[in-house]
Amino acid sequence: MQSVNEPSDTYNRLAGKGLIPVPQWLCNQLMRAFYNKNRRQVRLLNDCWFFYRTRRSDTEDSSSLLQ
């Protein structure tokens, strides 16, 4: 039986809404930077997430147009 917080369950819920889940490596680094109160690292990782998210959504939009 799957727990509520398993990545596959989270991905399936988010994929149905058109949202992109945060990769685990990015989540881990964000938590570490936040825990260490490293504002510069938090900002950098946040910028990485927005770049990743917009690139992924652009790629998915263009692939859906081809079908």
N, C-alpha and C. Protein backbone atom coordinates (compact mmCIF):
# COMPACT_ATOMS: atom_id res chain seq x y z
N MET A 1 0.83 -1.19 0.00
CA MET A 1 0.00 0.00 0.00
C MET A 1 0.88 1.25 0.00
N GLN A 2 0.53 2.23 -0.85
CA GLN A 2 1.32 3.44 -0.95
C GLN A 2 0.93 4.42 0.13
N SER A 3 1.93 5.13 0.64
CA SER A 3 1.62 6.20 1.58
C SER A 3 1.20 7.43 0.79
N VAL A 4 0.61 8.39 1.45
CA VAL A 4 0.09 9.59 0.79
C VAL A 4 1.20 10.43 0.19
N ASN A 5 2.39 10.39 0.79
CA ASN A 5 3.46 11.29 0.36
C ASN A 5 4.46 10.67 -0.60
N GLU A 6 4.14 9.53 -1.19
CA GLU A 6 5.09 8.93 -2.13
C GLU A 6 5.19 9.79 -3.38
N PRO A 7 6.39 9.89 -3.95
CA PRO A 7 6.58 10.74 -5.13
C PRO A 7 5.67 10.38 -6.29
N SER A 8 5.45 9.09 -6.53
CA SER A 8 4.61 8.72 -7.67
C SER A 8 3.18 9.20 -7.48
N ASP A 9 2.67 9.13 -6.26
CA ASP A 9 1.32 9.61 -5.98
C ASP A 9 1.25 11.12 -6.15
N THR A 10 2.24 11.82 -5.64
CA THR A 10 2.28 13.27 -5.78
C THR A 10 2.38 13.65 -7.25
N TYR A 11 3.21 12.95 -7.99
CA TYR A 11 3.36 13.26 -9.41
C TYR A 11 2.04 13.05 -10.15
N ASN A 12 1.36 11.95 -9.85
CA ASN A 12 0.10 11.68 -10.54
C ASN A 12 -0.94 12.75 -10.24
N ARG A 13 -1.01 13.21 -8.99
CA ARG A 13 -1.97 14.26 -8.65
C ARG A 13 -1.61 15.56 -9.35
N LEU A 14 -0.32 15.91 -9.39
CA LEU A 14 0.10 17.16 -10.02
C LEU A 14 0.02 17.08 -11.53
N ALA A 15 0.31 15.93 -12.10
CA ALA A 15 0.28 15.79 -13.56
C ALA A 15 -1.13 15.99 -14.08
N GLY A 16 -2.13 15.54 -13.34
CA GLY A 16 -3.51 15.73 -13.74
C GLY A 16 -3.91 17.19 -13.75
N LYS A 17 -3.25 18.01 -12.95
CA LYS A 17 -3.56 19.44 -12.89
C LYS A 17 -2.66 20.25 -13.81
N GLY A 18 -1.75 19.60 -14.51
CA GLY A 18 -0.84 20.31 -15.40
C GLY A 18 0.32 20.96 -14.68
N LEU A 19 0.54 20.61 -13.41
CA LEU A 19 1.65 21.17 -12.65
C LEU A 19 2.86 20.25 -12.73
N ILE A 20 4.03 20.82 -12.57
CA ILE A 20 5.26 20.04 -12.63
C ILE A 20 5.80 19.89 -11.22
N PRO A 21 6.03 18.66 -10.76
CA PRO A 21 6.56 18.47 -9.41
C PRO A 21 8.01 18.91 -9.30
N VAL A 22 8.39 19.32 -8.11
CA VAL A 22 9.78 19.73 -7.84
C VAL A 22 10.64 18.47 -7.78
N PRO A 23 11.74 18.43 -8.53
CA PRO A 23 12.64 17.26 -8.46
C PRO A 23 13.19 17.10 -7.04
N GLN A 24 13.42 15.86 -6.65
CA GLN A 24 13.87 15.57 -5.29
C GLN A 24 15.21 16.22 -4.98
N TRP A 25 16.14 16.23 -5.94
CA TRP A 25 17.45 16.83 -5.69
C TRP A 25 17.32 18.32 -5.39
N LEU A 26 16.41 18.99 -6.09
CA LEU A 26 16.22 20.42 -5.87
C LEU A 26 15.55 20.67 -4.52
N CYS A 27 14.59 19.84 -4.19
CA CYS A 27 13.91 19.96 -2.90
C CYS A 27 14.91 19.77 -1.75
N ASN A 28 15.80 18.78 -1.88
CA ASN A 28 16.81 18.52 -0.84
C ASN A 28 17.74 19.72 -0.67
N GLN A 29 18.19 20.28 -1.79
CA GLN A 29 19.10 21.41 -1.71
C GLN A 29 18.42 22.66 -1.16
N LEU A 30 17.16 22.86 -1.52
CA LEU A 30 16.40 23.99 -0.97
C LEU A 30 16.24 23.87 0.54
N MET A 31 15.92 22.65 0.99
CA MET A 31 15.76 22.45 2.43
C MET A 31 17.08 22.69 3.16
N ARG A 32 18.19 22.22 2.59
CA ARG A 32 19.50 22.42 3.21
C ARG A 32 19.86 23.91 3.28
N ALA A 33 19.62 24.62 2.18
CA ALA A 33 19.94 26.05 2.14
C ALA A 33 19.05 26.83 3.12
N PHE A 34 17.78 26.45 3.20
CA PHE A 34 16.87 27.12 4.13
C PHE A 34 17.29 26.85 5.57
N TYR A 35 17.64 25.59 5.86
CA TYR A 35 18.06 25.21 7.20
C TYR A 35 19.32 25.96 7.63
N ASN A 36 20.25 26.14 6.69
CA ASN A 36 21.50 26.84 6.97
C ASN A 36 21.38 28.36 6.85
N LYS A 37 20.18 28.84 6.52
CA LYS A 37 19.88 30.28 6.37
C LYS A 37 20.78 30.93 5.33
N ASN A 38 20.98 30.20 4.24
CA ASN A 38 21.83 30.68 3.15
C ASN A 38 20.91 31.33 2.11
N ARG A 39 20.67 32.62 2.25
CA ARG A 39 19.74 33.33 1.38
C ARG A 39 20.18 33.31 -0.08
N ARG A 40 21.46 33.46 -0.30
CA ARG A 40 21.97 33.47 -1.67
C ARG A 40 21.67 32.14 -2.37
N GLN A 41 21.89 31.04 -1.66
CA GLN A 41 21.64 29.72 -2.23
C GLN A 41 20.15 29.49 -2.45
N VAL A 42 19.31 29.95 -1.53
CA VAL A 42 17.86 29.81 -1.68
C VAL A 42 17.40 30.57 -2.92
N ARG A 43 17.90 31.78 -3.10
CA ARG A 43 17.53 32.57 -4.29
C ARG A 43 17.99 31.91 -5.58
N LEU A 44 19.21 31.40 -5.58
CA LEU A 44 19.74 30.74 -6.76
C LEU A 44 18.90 29.50 -7.11
N LEU A 45 18.60 28.69 -6.11
CA LEU A 45 17.80 27.48 -6.35
C LEU A 45 16.38 27.83 -6.77
N ASN A 46 15.84 28.90 -6.22
CA ASN A 46 14.51 29.34 -6.62
C ASN A 46 14.52 29.75 -8.10
N ASP A 47 15.56 30.47 -8.51
CA ASP A 47 15.69 30.84 -9.92
C ASP A 47 15.82 29.59 -10.80
N CYS A 48 16.56 28.60 -10.32
CA CYS A 48 16.71 27.35 -11.07
C CYS A 48 15.35 26.67 -11.24
N TRP A 49 14.55 26.66 -10.18
CA TRP A 49 13.24 26.03 -10.25
C TRP A 49 12.34 26.73 -11.26
N PHE A 50 12.31 28.06 -11.26
CA PHE A 50 11.47 28.77 -12.21
C PHE A 50 11.95 28.55 -13.64
N PHE A 51 13.26 28.51 -13.85
CA PHE A 51 13.81 28.23 -15.18
C PHE A 51 13.42 26.82 -15.62
N TYR A 52 13.60 25.84 -14.74
CA TYR A 52 13.26 24.44 -15.03
C TYR A 52 11.78 24.30 -15.34
N ARG A 53 10.95 24.95 -14.53
CA ARG A 53 9.50 24.85 -14.69
C ARG A 53 9.04 25.45 -16.01
N THR A 54 9.55 26.61 -16.37
CA THR A 54 9.13 27.24 -17.62
C THR A 54 9.65 26.46 -18.83
N ARG A 55 10.85 25.92 -18.75
CA ARG A 55 11.37 25.11 -19.85
C ARG A 55 10.55 23.84 -20.03
N ARG A 56 10.19 23.18 -18.91
CA ARG A 56 9.39 21.95 -18.99
C ARG A 56 8.00 22.24 -19.53
N SER A 57 7.36 23.32 -19.08
CA SER A 57 6.01 23.62 -19.54
C SER A 57 6.04 24.03 -21.01
N ASP A 58 7.08 24.75 -21.45
CA ASP A 58 7.21 25.11 -22.86
C ASP A 58 7.38 23.87 -23.73
N THR A 59 8.19 22.93 -23.25
CA THR A 59 8.42 21.68 -23.98
C THR A 59 7.14 20.87 -24.08
N GLU A 60 6.39 20.77 -22.99
CA GLU A 60 5.15 20.01 -23.00
C GLU A 60 4.10 20.68 -23.87
N ASP A 61 4.05 22.01 -23.88
CA ASP A 61 3.09 22.72 -24.72
C ASP A 61 3.39 22.50 -26.20
N SER A 62 4.67 22.56 -26.57
CA SER A 62 5.04 22.38 -27.97
C SER A 62 4.82 20.94 -28.41
N SER A 63 5.03 19.96 -27.52
CA SER A 63 4.80 18.57 -27.90
C SER A 63 3.32 18.28 -28.05
N SER A 64 2.46 18.95 -27.27
CA SER A 64 1.02 18.72 -27.40
C SER A 64 0.49 19.34 -28.68
N LEU A 65 1.14 20.38 -29.20
CA LEU A 65 0.72 20.99 -30.46
C LEU A 65 1.02 20.08 -31.66
N LEU A 66 2.05 19.26 -31.53
CA LEU A 66 2.43 18.38 -32.62
C LEU A 66 1.50 17.19 -32.78
N GLN A 67 0.73 16.88 -31.78
CA GLN A 67 -0.14 15.70 -31.82
C GLN A 67 -1.44 15.97 -32.49
